[in-house]
């Protein structure tokens, strides 16, 4: 299980520069929850959205940290949240 966790983390880090913070964090949180055995569909939707939104708000508006926007269509979607 530890190898899967490290693999998911490396995929998250590498995906972030192409897909941006929002999409990569949603995917990372979802896959981490699945890897840990969570199968509750309501939680698999609500928790990634809440975690991503909370961290986004804290870093962007509370600490003024620029987050990766991604490239192409992912950048366009990320700019909608500015």
Protein backbone atom coordinates (compact mmCIF):
# COMPACT_ATOMS: atom_id res chain seq x y z
CA UNK A 1 0.00 0.00 0.00
CA UNK A 2 2.90 2.36 0.69
CA UNK A 3 4.20 1.96 -2.86
CA UNK A 4 0.76 2.86 -4.22
CA UNK A 5 0.68 5.94 -2.00
CA UNK A 6 4.09 7.10 -3.19
CA UNK A 7 3.09 6.45 -6.81
CA UNK A 8 -0.11 8.47 -6.41
CA UNK A 9 1.90 11.30 -4.83
CA UNK A 10 4.42 11.38 -7.69
CA UNK A 11 1.60 11.31 -10.25
CA UNK A 12 -0.05 14.20 -8.41
CA UNK A 13 3.12 16.27 -8.47
CA UNK A 14 3.79 15.63 -12.16
CA UNK A 15 0.15 16.09 -13.19
CA UNK A 16 -0.11 19.43 -11.40
CA UNK A 17 2.07 21.31 -13.88
CA UNK A 18 -0.06 20.13 -16.84
CA UNK A 19 -3.57 19.90 -15.39
CA UNK A 20 -3.27 22.62 -12.76
CA UNK A 21 -3.93 22.61 -9.05
CA UNK A 22 -7.70 22.14 -9.07
CA UNK A 23 -8.01 19.05 -11.27
CA UNK A 24 -4.88 17.34 -9.96
CA UNK A 25 -5.89 17.85 -6.31
CA UNK A 26 -9.40 16.55 -6.96
CA UNK A 27 -7.95 13.42 -8.59
CA UNK A 28 -5.29 12.95 -5.91
CA UNK A 29 -7.79 13.18 -3.06
CA UNK A 30 -10.23 10.82 -4.81
CA UNK A 31 -7.59 8.18 -5.58
CA UNK A 32 -6.09 8.41 -2.10
CA UNK A 33 -9.51 7.82 -0.58
CA UNK A 34 -10.12 4.85 -2.88
CA UNK A 35 -6.70 3.43 -2.05
CA UNK A 36 -7.49 3.69 1.66
CA UNK A 37 -10.68 1.70 1.12
CA UNK A 38 -13.40 4.35 1.21
CA UNK A 39 -16.35 3.28 -0.97
CA UNK A 40 -18.99 5.73 0.27
CA UNK A 41 -20.06 7.56 -2.92
CA UNK A 42 -21.24 10.67 -1.12
CA UNK A 43 -17.89 11.01 0.63
CA UNK A 44 -15.98 10.29 -2.60
CA UNK A 45 -17.67 13.34 -4.13
CA UNK A 46 -17.92 15.70 -1.16
CA UNK A 47 -14.51 15.28 0.46
CA UNK A 48 -12.33 15.95 -2.64
CA UNK A 49 -14.45 19.01 -3.50
CA UNK A 50 -14.28 20.34 0.07
CA UNK A 51 -10.54 19.67 0.49
CA UNK A 52 -9.66 21.21 -2.87
CA UNK A 53 -11.87 24.24 -2.30
CA UNK A 54 -10.65 24.83 1.24
CA UNK A 55 -6.96 24.62 0.36
CA UNK A 56 -7.52 26.74 -2.76
CA UNK A 57 -9.21 29.49 -0.75
CA UNK A 58 -6.61 29.48 2.02
CA UNK A 59 -3.62 29.55 -0.33
CA UNK A 60 -5.03 31.92 -2.95
CA UNK A 61 -6.92 34.46 -0.89
CA UNK A 62 -5.48 33.99 2.59
CA UNK A 63 -1.79 33.61 1.81
CA UNK A 64 -1.66 35.00 -1.76
CA UNK A 65 0.21 31.94 -3.07
CA UNK A 66 -0.04 31.52 -6.85
CA UNK A 67 -1.10 27.97 -7.67
CA UNK A 68 -0.30 26.11 -10.90
CA UNK A 69 -2.87 26.86 -13.60
CA UNK A 70 -2.05 24.06 -16.04
CA UNK A 71 -1.88 24.31 -19.81
CA UNK A 72 -4.43 24.51 -22.59
CA UNK A 73 -8.04 23.96 -21.58
CA UNK A 74 -6.99 23.26 -17.99
CA UNK A 75 -5.56 26.78 -17.79
CA UNK A 76 -8.79 28.25 -19.10
CA UNK A 77 -10.78 26.38 -16.45
CA UNK A 78 -8.37 27.42 -13.69
CA UNK A 79 -8.67 31.07 -14.70
CA UNK A 80 -12.44 30.87 -14.14
CA UNK A 81 -11.74 30.58 -10.41
CA UNK A 82 -9.62 33.74 -10.19
